[in-house]
C-alpha atoms as a PDB file:
ATOM      1  CA  MET A   1      12.909 -39.136 -37.377  1.00  0.00           C
ATOM      2  CA  LYS A   2      12.763 -37.557 -41.103  1.00  0.00           C
ATOM      3  CA  VAL A   3      14.378 -34.438 -42.026  1.00  0.00           C
ATOM      4  CA  LEU A   4      13.934 -32.499 -45.912  1.00  0.00           C
ATOM      5  CA  ILE A   5      16.464 -30.414 -46.612  1.00  0.00           C
ATOM      6  CA  ALA A   6      14.423 -28.201 -49.626  1.00  0.00           C
ATOM      7  CA  ASP A   7      17.369 -25.760 -50.149  1.00  0.00           C
ATOM      8  CA  LYS A   8      21.029 -26.622 -50.978  1.00  0.00           C
ATOM      9  CA  LEU A   9      22.717 -26.847 -47.257  1.00  0.00           C
ATOM     10  CA  ALA A  10      26.548 -27.171 -47.005  1.00  0.00           C
ATOM     11  CA  GLN A  11      27.680 -30.422 -46.439  1.00  0.00           C
ATOM     12  CA  GLU A  12      28.603 -30.020 -42.526  1.00  0.00           C
ATOM     13  CA  GLY A  13      24.949 -29.435 -41.834  1.00  0.00           C
ATOM     14  CA  ILE A  14      23.894 -32.622 -43.455  1.00  0.00           C
ATOM     15  CA  ASP A  15      26.850 -34.521 -41.915  1.00  0.00           C
ATOM     16  CA  LEU A  16      25.429 -33.374 -38.570  1.00  0.00           C
ATOM     17  CA  LEU A  17      22.089 -35.039 -38.846  1.00  0.00           C
ATOM     18  CA  THR A  18      23.193 -37.717 -40.100  1.00  0.00           C
ATOM     19  CA  ARG A  19      25.756 -38.727 -37.337  1.00  0.00           C
ATOM     20  CA  ALA A  20      23.061 -37.951 -34.697  1.00  0.00           C
ATOM     21  CA  GLY A  21      21.082 -40.606 -36.390  1.00  0.00           C
ATOM     22  CA  TYR A  22      18.383 -39.082 -38.601  1.00  0.00           C
ATOM     23  CA  GLN A  23      17.094 -39.856 -41.487  1.00  0.00           C
ATOM     24  CA  VAL A  24      17.976 -36.660 -44.027  1.00  0.00           C
ATOM     25  CA  ASP A  25      16.741 -36.470 -47.586  1.00  0.00           C
ATOM     26  CA  ALA A  26      18.269 -33.307 -49.625  1.00  0.00           C
ATOM     27  CA  ILE A  27      15.201 -32.365 -52.618  1.00  0.00           C
ATOM     28  CA  TYR A  28      15.765 -29.600 -54.445  1.00  0.00           C
ATOM     29  CA  ASP A  29      14.639 -28.002 -57.409  1.00  0.00           C
ATOM     30  CA  HIS A  30      10.543 -28.319 -56.324  1.00  0.00           C
ATOM     31  CA  SER A  31       7.043 -26.987 -57.289  1.00  0.00           C
ATOM     32  CA  GLU A  32       5.271 -25.992 -54.290  1.00  0.00           C
ATOM     33  CA  GLN A  33       2.839 -28.621 -55.173  1.00  0.00           C
ATOM     34  CA  GLU A  34       5.902 -31.186 -55.414  1.00  0.00           C
ATOM     35  CA  LEU A  35       7.008 -29.972 -51.618  1.00  0.00           C
ATOM     36  CA  ILE A  36       3.217 -29.677 -50.403  1.00  0.00           C
ATOM     37  CA  ASP A  37       3.231 -33.774 -52.193  1.00  0.00           C
ATOM     38  CA  MET A  38       5.997 -35.133 -49.955  1.00  0.00           C
ATOM     39  CA  ILE A  39       6.091 -32.671 -46.681  1.00  0.00           C
ATOM     40  CA  GLY A  40       4.047 -34.907 -45.134  1.00  0.00           C
ATOM     41  CA  ALA A  41       6.634 -37.808 -44.145  1.00  0.00           C
ATOM     42  CA  TYR A  42       9.060 -35.359 -42.759  1.00  0.00           C
ATOM     43  CA  ASP A  43       9.666 -34.368 -38.683  1.00  0.00           C
ATOM     44  CA  ALA A  44      11.308 -31.195 -40.138  1.00  0.00           C
ATOM     45  CA  LEU A  45      12.083 -28.853 -42.889  1.00  0.00           C
ATOM     46  CA  ILE A  46      14.921 -26.447 -43.324  1.00  0.00           C
ATOM     47  CA  VAL A  47      14.702 -24.027 -46.302  1.00  0.00           C
ATOM     48  CA  ARG A  48      16.814 -21.397 -47.230  1.00  0.00           C
ATOM     49  CA  SER A  49      15.718 -18.381 -49.514  1.00  0.00           C
ATOM     50  CA  ALA A  50      14.358 -20.382 -52.573  1.00  0.00           C
ATOM     51  CA  THR A  51      12.047 -22.459 -50.970  1.00  0.00           C
ATOM     52  CA  THR A  52       8.528 -20.773 -49.766  1.00  0.00           C
ATOM     53  CA  ALA A  53       6.953 -22.608 -46.707  1.00  0.00           C
ATOM     54  CA  THR A  54       3.031 -21.396 -47.072  1.00  0.00           C
ATOM     55  CA  ALA A  55       0.093 -22.246 -45.445  1.00  0.00           C
ATOM     56  CA  ASP A  56      -0.706 -25.067 -47.567  1.00  0.00           C
ATOM     57  CA  VAL A  57       2.987 -26.578 -47.310  1.00  0.00           C
ATOM     58  CA  ILE A  58       3.039 -26.503 -43.744  1.00  0.00           C
ATOM     59  CA  LYS A  59      -0.891 -27.935 -43.166  1.00  0.00           C
ATOM     60  CA  ALA A  60       0.262 -30.557 -45.419  1.00  0.00           C
ATOM     61  CA  GLY A  61       3.343 -31.092 -42.852  1.00  0.00           C
ATOM     62  CA  THR A  62       1.141 -33.141 -40.350  1.00  0.00           C
ATOM     63  CA  LYS A  63       4.197 -34.591 -38.936  1.00  0.00           C
ATOM     64  CA  LEU A  64       6.188 -31.398 -38.613  1.00  0.00           C
ATOM     65  CA  LYS A  65       7.609 -30.030 -35.569  1.00  0.00           C
ATOM     66  CA  VAL A  66      10.295 -27.894 -36.640  1.00  0.00           C
ATOM     67  CA  ILE A  67      10.867 -25.734 -39.704  1.00  0.00           C
ATOM     68  CA  GLY A  68      14.197 -24.562 -39.333  1.00  0.00           C
ATOM     69  CA  ARG A  69      15.698 -21.127 -41.952  1.00  0.00           C
ATOM     70  CA  ALA A  70      19.344 -21.571 -42.296  1.00  0.00           C
ATOM     71  CA  GLY A  71      20.006 -18.188 -42.532  1.00  0.00           C
ATOM     72  CA  VAL A  72      18.326 -14.766 -41.019  1.00  0.00           C
ATOM     73  CA  GLY A  73      15.077 -13.723 -42.606  1.00  0.00           C
ATOM     74  CA  VAL A  74      12.180 -15.946 -41.859  1.00  0.00           C
ATOM     75  CA  ASP A  75       9.843 -13.885 -44.427  1.00  0.00           C
ATOM     76  CA  ASN A  76       9.327 -17.074 -46.495  1.00  0.00           C
ATOM     77  CA  ILE A  77       7.872 -19.383 -43.761  1.00  0.00           C
ATOM     78  CA  ASP A  78       3.910 -19.192 -43.045  1.00  0.00           C
ATOM     79  CA  LEU A  79       4.547 -18.498 -39.037  1.00  0.00           C
ATOM     80  CA  ALA A  80       1.145 -18.018 -38.140  1.00  0.00           C
ATOM     81  CA  GLN A  81       0.121 -21.157 -39.626  1.00  0.00           C
ATOM     82  CA  ALA A  82       3.281 -22.940 -38.400  1.00  0.00           C
ATOM     83  CA  SER A  83       2.113 -21.292 -35.105  1.00  0.00           C
ATOM     84  CA  ASP A  84      -1.136 -22.809 -35.139  1.00  0.00           C
ATOM     85  CA  GLN A  85       0.054 -26.178 -36.034  1.00  0.00           C
ATOM     86  CA  GLY A  86       2.747 -25.925 -33.096  1.00  0.00           C
ATOM     87  CA  ILE A  87       5.385 -26.419 -35.261  1.00  0.00           C
ATOM     88  CA  ILE A  88       8.997 -24.416 -33.846  1.00  0.00           C
ATOM     89  CA  VAL A  89       9.919 -22.220 -36.266  1.00  0.00           C
ATOM     90  CA  CYS A  90      14.098 -21.175 -36.087  1.00  0.00           C
ATOM     91  CA  ASN A  91      16.722 -19.285 -37.918  1.00  0.00           C
ATOM     92  CA  ALA A  92      20.358 -18.795 -37.950  1.00  0.00           C
ATOM     93  CA  PRO A  93      20.815 -15.116 -37.164  1.00  0.00           C
ATOM     94  CA  ALA A  94      24.458 -14.856 -36.796  1.00  0.00           C
ATOM     95  CA  SER A  95      25.475 -17.141 -39.001  1.00  0.00           C
ATOM     96  CA  ASN A  96      26.051 -14.547 -41.941  1.00  0.00           C
ATOM     97  CA  VAL A  97      26.628 -11.201 -39.673  1.00  0.00           C
ATOM     98  CA  VAL A  98      30.398 -11.101 -40.947  1.00  0.00           C
ATOM     99  CA  SER A  99      29.646 -11.854 -44.963  1.00  0.00           C
ATOM    100  CA  ALA A 100      27.067  -9.124 -44.873  1.00  0.00           C
ATOM    101  CA  ALA A 101      29.031  -6.458 -43.134  1.00  0.00           C
ATOM    102  CA  GLU A 102      32.278  -7.445 -45.326  1.00  0.00           C
ATOM    103  CA  GLN A 103      29.832  -7.374 -48.527  1.00  0.00           C
ATOM    104  CA  THR A 104      28.668  -3.985 -47.711  1.00  0.00           C
ATOM    105  CA  MET A 105      32.350  -2.575 -47.293  1.00  0.00           C
ATOM    106  CA  ALA A 106      33.317  -4.310 -50.507  1.00  0.00           C
ATOM    107  CA  LEU A 107      30.749  -2.488 -51.850  1.00  0.00           C
ATOM    108  CA  MET A 108      31.032   0.724 -50.508  1.00  0.00           C
ATOM    109  CA  LEU A 109      34.757   0.508 -52.038  1.00  0.00           C
ATOM    110  CA  ALA A 110      33.305  -0.442 -55.279  1.00  0.00           C
ATOM    111  CA  ALA A 111      31.186   2.502 -55.388  1.00  0.00           C
ATOM    112  CA  ALA A 112      33.405   5.120 -54.301  1.00  0.00           C
ATOM    113  CA  ARG A 113      36.286   4.135 -56.636  1.00  0.00           C
ATOM    114  CA  HIS A 114      34.349   2.797 -59.872  1.00  0.00           C
ATOM    115  CA  THR A 115      35.476  -0.706 -59.316  1.00  0.00           C
ATOM    116  CA  ALA A 116      33.436  -2.555 -61.302  1.00  0.00           C
ATOM    117  CA  GLU A 117      33.597  -0.186 -64.100  1.00  0.00           C
ATOM    118  CA  ALA A 118      37.147   0.199 -64.655  1.00  0.00           C
ATOM    119  CA  SER A 119      37.429  -3.962 -64.093  1.00  0.00           C
ATOM    120  CA  ALA A 120      35.282  -3.918 -67.092  1.00  0.00           C
ATOM    121  CA  SER A 121      37.084  -0.793 -69.082  1.00  0.00           C
ATOM    122  CA  MET A 122      40.274  -3.483 -68.619  1.00  0.00           C
ATOM    123  CA  HIS A 123      38.288  -6.677 -69.900  1.00  0.00           C
ATOM    124  CA  ALA A 124      37.193  -4.630 -73.229  1.00  0.00           C
ATOM    125  CA  GLY A 125      41.025  -3.855 -73.607  1.00  0.00           C
ATOM    126  CA  LYS A 126      40.977  -0.254 -72.549  1.00  0.00           C
ATOM    127  CA  TRP A 127      43.044   2.073 -70.241  1.00  0.00           C
ATOM    128  CA  ASP A 128      40.908   4.952 -69.448  1.00  0.00           C
ATOM    129  CA  ARG A 129      42.457   5.720 -66.165  1.00  0.00           C
ATOM    130  CA  GLY A 130      41.447   9.291 -66.357  1.00  0.00           C
ATOM    131  CA  LYS A 131      37.654   8.330 -66.613  1.00  0.00           C
ATOM    132  CA  PHE A 132      37.469   6.550 -62.803  1.00  0.00           C
ATOM    133  CA  SER A 133      38.518   8.883 -60.532  1.00  0.00           C
ATOM    134  CA  GLY A 134      36.608   8.443 -57.347  1.00  0.00           C
ATOM    135  CA  VAL A 135      36.233   9.559 -53.871  1.00  0.00           C
ATOM    136  CA  GLU A 136      38.115   8.263 -50.411  1.00  0.00           C
ATOM    137  CA  LEU A 137      36.220   6.999 -47.401  1.00  0.00           C
ATOM    138  CA  TYR A 138      38.703   8.065 -44.965  1.00  0.00           C
ATOM    139  CA  ASP A 139      37.170  11.688 -43.139  1.00  0.00           C
ATOM    140  CA  LYS A 140      33.597  10.848 -44.491  1.00  0.00           C
ATOM    141  CA  THR A 141      30.399   9.976 -42.487  1.00  0.00           C
ATOM    142  CA  LEU A 142      28.761   7.404 -42.782  1.00  0.00           C
ATOM    143  CA  ALA A 143      25.036   7.050 -41.904  1.00  0.00           C
ATOM    144  CA  ILE A 144      24.408   3.292 -40.520  1.00  0.00           C
ATOM    145  CA  ILE A 145      20.588   2.764 -40.438  1.00  0.00           C
ATOM    146  CA  GLY A 146      19.985  -0.018 -38.128  1.00  0.00           C
ATOM    147  CA  THR A 147      22.759  -0.758 -35.996  1.00  0.00           C
ATOM    148  CA  GLY A 148      22.015  -4.656 -35.148  1.00  0.00           C
ATOM    149  CA  ARG A 149      24.277  -7.122 -35.751  1.00  0.00           C
ATOM    150  CA  VAL A 150      25.560  -6.328 -39.229  1.00  0.00           C
ATOM    151  CA  GLY A 151      25.514  -2.251 -38.549  1.00  0.00           C
ATOM    152  CA  GLY A 152      27.699  -2.602 -35.749  1.00  0.00           C
ATOM    153  CA  LEU A 153      30.041  -5.032 -37.623  1.00  0.00           C
ATOM    154  CA  VAL A 154      29.823  -2.443 -40.532  1.00  0.00           C
ATOM    155  CA  ALA A 155      30.555   0.519 -37.845  1.00  0.00           C
ATOM    156  CA  GLU A 156      33.803  -1.675 -36.545  1.00  0.00           C
ATOM    157  CA  ARG A 157      35.138  -1.603 -40.078  1.00  0.00           C
ATOM    158  CA  ALA A 158      34.489   1.772 -40.780  1.00  0.00           C
ATOM    159  CA  LYS A 159      36.065   2.691 -38.209  1.00  0.00           C
ATOM    160  CA  ALA A 160      39.406   1.295 -39.444  1.00  0.00           C
ATOM    161  CA  PHE A 161      38.766   3.654 -42.521  1.00  0.00           C
ATOM    162  CA  GLY A 162      38.607   6.867 -40.138  1.00  0.00           C
ATOM    163  CA  MET A 163      35.237   7.316 -41.100  1.00  0.00           C
ATOM    164  CA  THR A 164      32.670   9.059 -38.763  1.00  0.00           C
ATOM    165  CA  LEU A 165      29.457   7.231 -37.644  1.00  0.00           C
ATOM    166  CA  ILE A 166      26.107   8.787 -37.535  1.00  0.00           C
ATOM    167  CA  GLY A 167      23.197   6.313 -37.112  1.00  0.00           C
ATOM    168  CA  TYR A 168      19.281   5.710 -36.833  1.00  0.00           C
ATOM    169  CA  ASP A 169      17.448   2.999 -34.807  1.00  0.00           C
ATOM    170  CA  PRO A 170      14.394   3.276 -33.033  1.00  0.00           C
ATOM    171  CA  TYR A 171      15.309   0.129 -31.095  1.00  0.00           C
ATOM    172  CA  CYS A 172      19.004   0.850 -30.269  1.00  0.00           C
ATOM    173  CA  PRO A 173      19.444   2.683 -27.002  1.00  0.00           C
ATOM    174  CA  ALA A 174      21.680   5.489 -27.171  1.00  0.00           C
ATOM    175  CA  ASP A 175      24.351   4.152 -24.798  1.00  0.00           C
ATOM    176  CA  LYS A 176      24.227   1.242 -26.794  1.00  0.00           C
ATOM    177  CA  ALA A 177      24.997   2.881 -30.178  1.00  0.00           C
ATOM    178  CA  ALA A 178      27.732   5.650 -28.552  1.00  0.00           C
ATOM    179  CA  ALA A 179      29.714   2.064 -27.360  1.00  0.00           C
ATOM    180  CA  MET A 180      30.166   1.454 -31.198  1.00  0.00           C
ATOM    181  CA  GLY A 181      30.922   4.982 -32.135  1.00  0.00           C
ATOM    182  CA  ILE A 182      27.997   5.779 -33.563  1.00  0.00           C
ATOM    183  CA  ARG A 183      25.461   9.073 -32.704  1.00  0.00           C
ATOM    184  CA  LEU A 184      21.892   8.140 -33.038  1.00  0.00           C
ATOM    185  CA  TYR A 185      19.905  11.025 -34.567  1.00  0.00           C
ATOM    186  CA  ASP A 186      15.751  10.340 -33.736  1.00  0.00           C
ATOM    187  CA  ASN A 187      14.782  10.796 -37.413  1.00  0.00           C
ATOM    188  CA  LEU A 188      15.784  10.351 -40.856  1.00  0.00           C
ATOM    189  CA  SER A 189      15.567  13.942 -41.832  1.00  0.00           C
ATOM    190  CA  GLU A 190      18.476  15.375 -39.264  1.00  0.00           C
ATOM    191  CA  LEU A 191      20.525  11.949 -40.366  1.00  0.00           C
ATOM    192  CA  LEU A 192      20.467  12.476 -44.229  1.00  0.00           C
ATOM    193  CA  PRO A 193      21.778  15.590 -45.133  1.00  0.00           C
ATOM    194  CA  LEU A 194      24.724  14.634 -42.541  1.00  0.00           C
ATOM    195  CA  ALA A 195      25.965  11.866 -44.614  1.00  0.00           C
ATOM    196  CA  ASP A 196      28.819  11.470 -47.513  1.00  0.00           C
ATOM    197  CA  PHE A 197      27.875   7.367 -47.187  1.00  0.00           C
ATOM    198  CA  ILE A 198      24.542   5.760 -45.931  1.00  0.00           C
ATOM    199  CA  THR A 199      24.088   2.145 -45.313  1.00  0.00           C
ATOM    200  CA  VAL A 200      20.891   0.568 -44.833  1.00  0.00           C
ATOM    201  CA  HIS A 201      20.949  -2.830 -42.170  1.00  0.00           C
ATOM    202  CA  MET A 202      17.349  -3.617 -41.500  1.00  0.00           C
ATOM    203  CA  PRO A 203      14.443  -6.042 -41.992  1.00  0.00           C
ATOM    204  CA  LEU A 204      11.889  -5.135 -44.491  1.00  0.00           C
ATOM    205  CA  THR A 205       8.143  -4.377 -42.578  1.00  0.00           C
ATOM    206  CA  ASP A 206       5.301  -1.986 -43.520  1.00  0.00           C
ATOM    207  CA  GLU A 207       7.540   0.307 -41.810  1.00  0.00           C
ATOM    208  CA  THR A 208      10.961  -0.005 -43.663  1.00  0.00           C
ATOM    209  CA  ARG A 209       9.539  -0.666 -47.037  1.00  0.00           C
ATOM    210  CA  GLY A 210      10.776   2.319 -49.255  1.00  0.00           C
ATOM    211  CA  MET A 211      12.394   4.069 -46.645  1.00  0.00           C
ATOM    212  CA  LEU A 212      14.966   5.681 -48.968  1.00  0.00           C
ATOM    213  CA  SER A 213      12.536   7.136 -51.319  1.00  0.00           C
ATOM    214  CA  ALA A 214      12.562  10.055 -53.594  1.00  0.00           C
ATOM    215  CA  GLU A 215      11.752  12.560 -50.219  1.00  0.00           C
ATOM    216  CA  GLN A 216      14.545  10.927 -48.648  1.00  0.00           C
ATOM    217  CA  PHE A 217      17.312  10.930 -51.622  1.00  0.00           C
ATOM    218  CA  SER A 218      16.271  14.990 -51.982  1.00  0.00           C
ATOM    219  CA  GLN A 219      17.026  15.655 -48.600  1.00  0.00           C
ATOM    220  CA  MET A 220      20.771  13.990 -48.585  1.00  0.00           C
ATOM    221  CA  LYS A 221      24.062  15.902 -49.230  1.00  0.00           C
ATOM    222  CA  ASP A 222      24.695  16.254 -52.830  1.00  0.00           C
ATOM    223  CA  GLY A 223      27.041  13.169 -54.162  1.00  0.00           C
ATOM    224  CA  ALA A 224      25.966  10.707 -51.651  1.00  0.00           C
ATOM    225  CA  ILE A 225      26.632   7.494 -52.024  1.00  0.00           C
ATOM    226  CA  VAL A 226      23.705   4.669 -51.090  1.00  0.00           C
ATOM    227  CA  LEU A 227      24.454   0.779 -49.779  1.00  0.00           C
ATOM    228  CA  ASN A 228      22.078  -2.121 -49.538  1.00  0.00           C
ATOM    229  CA  VAL A 229      22.848  -5.221 -48.133  1.00  0.00           C
ATOM    230  CA  ALA A 230      19.996  -5.946 -45.858  1.00  0.00           C
ATOM    231  CA  ARG A 231      16.589  -6.404 -48.439  1.00  0.00           C
ATOM    232  CA  GLY A 232      15.271  -5.566 -51.342  1.00  0.00           C
ATOM    233  CA  GLY A 233      11.973  -2.795 -51.326  1.00  0.00           C
ATOM    234  CA  ILE A 234      13.852  -0.913 -48.282  1.00  0.00           C
ATOM    235  CA  VAL A 235      14.823   1.507 -51.038  1.00  0.00           C
ATOM    236  CA  ASP A 236      12.911   2.886 -54.141  1.00  0.00           C
ATOM    237  CA  LEU A 237      14.739   1.775 -56.707  1.00  0.00           C
ATOM    238  CA  GLU A 238      13.071   4.210 -59.146  1.00  0.00           C
ATOM    239  CA  ALA A 239      13.626   6.885 -56.841  1.00  0.00           C
ATOM    240  CA  LEU A 240      17.298   6.231 -56.591  1.00  0.00           C
ATOM    241  CA  ALA A 241      18.214   5.799 -60.170  1.00  0.00           C
ATOM    242  CA  ALA A 242      16.286   9.598 -60.355  1.00  0.00           C
ATOM    243  CA  ALA A 243      18.698  10.619 -58.209  1.00  0.00           C
ATOM    244  CA  ILE A 244      21.957   9.180 -60.032  1.00  0.00           C
ATOM    245  CA  LYS A 245      20.850  10.070 -62.941  1.00  0.00           C
ATOM    246  CA  SER A 246      20.527  13.681 -61.593  1.00  0.00           C
ATOM    247  CA  GLY A 247      23.560  13.872 -59.675  1.00  0.00           C
ATOM    248  CA  LYS A 248      22.152  13.886 -56.496  1.00  0.00           C
ATOM    249  CA  VAL A 249      23.476  10.613 -55.557  1.00  0.00           C
ATOM    250  CA  TYR A 250      27.246   9.917 -56.793  1.00  0.00           C
ATOM    251  CA  ALA A 251      26.723   5.926 -56.959  1.00  0.00           C
ATOM    252  CA  CYS A 252      24.992   2.933 -55.244  1.00  0.00           C
ATOM    253  CA  GLY A 253      25.910  -0.721 -54.176  1.00  0.00           C
ATOM    254  CA  ILE A 254      23.124  -3.205 -54.005  1.00  0.00           C
ATOM    255  CA  ASP A 255      23.270  -6.808 -53.120  1.00  0.00           C
ATOM    256  CA  VAL A 256      19.242  -7.102 -52.696  1.00  0.00           C
ATOM    257  CA  TRP A 257      16.208  -7.051 -54.652  1.00  0.00           C
ATOM    258  CA  GLU A 258      12.321  -7.151 -53.933  1.00  0.00           C
ATOM    259  CA  HIS A 259      11.696  -9.997 -56.409  1.00  0.00           C
ATOM    260  CA  GLU A 260      14.681 -12.378 -56.808  1.00  0.00           C
ATOM    261  CA  PRO A 261      15.867 -13.381 -59.473  1.00  0.00           C
ATOM    262  CA  VAL A 262      16.222 -10.316 -61.017  1.00  0.00           C
ATOM    263  CA  GLU A 263      17.640  -9.315 -64.822  1.00  0.00           C
ATOM    264  CA  SER A 264      16.563  -5.630 -65.068  1.00  0.00           C
ATOM    265  CA  SER A 265      15.717  -2.511 -62.469  1.00  0.00           C
ATOM    266  CA  PRO A 266      15.959   1.278 -63.077  1.00  0.00           C
ATOM    267  CA  LEU A 267      19.612   0.872 -61.934  1.00  0.00           C
ATOM    268  CA  HIS A 268      20.950  -1.958 -64.371  1.00  0.00           C
ATOM    269  CA  GLU A 269      21.881   1.152 -67.043  1.00  0.00           C
ATOM    270  CA  LEU A 270      23.478   3.013 -64.374  1.00  0.00           C
ATOM    271  CA  PRO A 271      27.522   2.508 -64.583  1.00  0.00           C
ATOM    272  CA  SER A 272      28.067   3.967 -61.106  1.00  0.00           C
ATOM    273  CA  ALA A 273      25.301   1.618 -59.799  1.00  0.00           C
ATOM    274  CA  VAL A 274      27.351  -1.653 -58.404  1.00  0.00           C
ATOM    275  CA  LEU A 275      24.684  -4.184 -58.914  1.00  0.00           C
ATOM    276  CA  THR A 276      25.027  -7.915 -56.998  1.00  0.00           C
ATOM    277  CA  PRO A 277      23.239 -11.183 -57.014  1.00  0.00           C
ATOM    278  CA  HIS A 278      22.309 -10.924 -53.238  1.00  0.00           C
ATOM    279  CA  LEU A 279      25.997 -12.425 -52.441  1.00  0.00           C
ATOM    280  CA  GLY A 280      25.838 -10.738 -48.647  1.00  0.00           C
ATOM    281  CA  ALA A 281      25.564 -14.131 -47.509  1.00  0.00           C
ATOM    282  CA  SER A 282      27.537 -15.774 -49.983  1.00  0.00           C
ATOM    283  CA  THR A 283      30.594 -16.892 -48.722  1.00  0.00           C
ATOM    284  CA  LYS A 284      32.020 -20.630 -47.654  1.00  0.00           C
ATOM    285  CA  GLU A 285      32.276 -19.511 -43.959  1.00  0.00           C
ATOM    286  CA  ALA A 286      28.831 -17.971 -43.854  1.00  0.00           C
ATOM    287  CA  GLN A 287      26.914 -21.570 -45.903  1.00  0.00           C
ATOM    288  CA  THR A 288      28.766 -23.491 -43.303  1.00  0.00           C
ATOM    289  CA  ARG A 289      28.164 -21.634 -40.052  1.00  0.00           C
ATOM    290  CA  ALA A 290      24.305 -21.538 -41.439  1.00  0.00           C
ATOM    291  CA  ALA A 291      24.451 -25.258 -42.129  1.00  0.00           C
ATOM    292  CA  THR A 292      26.156 -26.047 -38.940  1.00  0.00           C
ATOM    293  CA  GLN A 293      23.828 -23.713 -36.808  1.00  0.00           C
ATOM    294  CA  ILE A 294      20.187 -24.550 -38.314  1.00  0.00           C
ATOM    295  CA  ALA A 295      20.843 -28.171 -38.011  1.00  0.00           C
ATOM    296  CA  GLN A 296      21.439 -28.201 -34.289  1.00  0.00           C
ATOM    297  CA  PHE A 297      18.585 -25.685 -33.652  1.00  0.00           C
ATOM    298  CA  VAL A 298      16.418 -28.210 -35.316  1.00  0.00           C
ATOM    299  CA  MET A 299      18.136 -31.046 -33.385  1.00  0.00           C
ATOM    300  CA  ASP A 300      17.036 -29.169 -30.267  1.00  0.00           C
ATOM    301  CA  GLY A 301      13.279 -28.696 -31.258  1.00  0.00           C
ATOM    302  CA  LEU A 302      13.324 -32.497 -31.991  1.00  0.00           C
ATOM    303  CA  ALA A 303      14.683 -33.397 -28.715  1.00  0.00           C
ATOM    304  CA  GLY A 304      12.226 -31.268 -27.200  1.00  0.00           C
ATOM    305  CA  LYS A 305      14.983 -29.162 -26.011  1.00  0.00           C
ATOM    306  CA  PRO A 306      14.732 -25.365 -26.419  1.00  0.00           C
ATOM    307  CA  VAL A 307      15.678 -23.445 -29.155  1.00  0.00           C
ATOM    308  CA  ALA A 308      17.463 -20.617 -28.809  1.00  0.00           C
ATOM    309  CA  THR A 309      16.288 -19.279 -32.248  1.00  0.00           C
ATOM    310  CA  GLN A 310      12.620 -19.962 -32.393  1.00  0.00           C
ATOM    311  CA  VAL A 311      10.797 -16.757 -33.853  1.00  0.00           C
ATOM    312  CA  ASN A 312       7.470 -18.024 -32.918  1.00  0.00           C
ATOM    313  CA  LYS A 313       5.269 -18.849 -30.028  1.00  0.00           C
END
């Protein structure tokens, strides 16, 4: 059987497939039409975030049995078309959760302590020590919006900094949140005025798009710090920039963008906005886990076995 890897994958995943006897072709930097032209020869397709498995691509994959996403989100795969063709779609949801949680803490600290600004100043040959006075995490309240895998790991790490944890997640039972040390609130309007730091860990859906916008920023405590290492589009960047300019929001840390790559945004001109190019999963360990996990799930699907992370029916 033949497997096409359409986005760069850690070698460990490729090795796992080849050792199992699959013919593996790793072909990157292709257009949609090029993918359509080649996909008909393959039994499985593995993508990351750069390649979109559109309905047209999937239709052309007449031999496809499995489509694997080496990561969490599957919004770049047309699930309806895959289901219509009886193709299993699976992901590797646990592969990057530690890396995403650590990136959240890195941005939290960087935003609180002006780390990026201070580093840029030092690289410019300056010594502006008095300019970069920040705030501590200790004894502050962190609001976690979305208390799933990543949100839970952020909670663990934030507790070590002596933070008080509150949260919002309509799908999380209160007792489960309490076991993580998080006090849940029924709505954002009750939660936001209490938080010194606010971090988002939800998927982008019709319900979560623009979840933090002008109305929500107006409800926040003065001087709040806002973080997004989940999905672009959940935080309204125009409204966030306005809140920073007005002083309502002290700083922010943003790792994800609605349209990537991005070269400009309302935040790019603001020194107190710590901006990173979607690095949540960009660690060697996360890349290896994503590659090996999705390789195993794809092999399970090709062998007719149950696929633990199948996301469609």
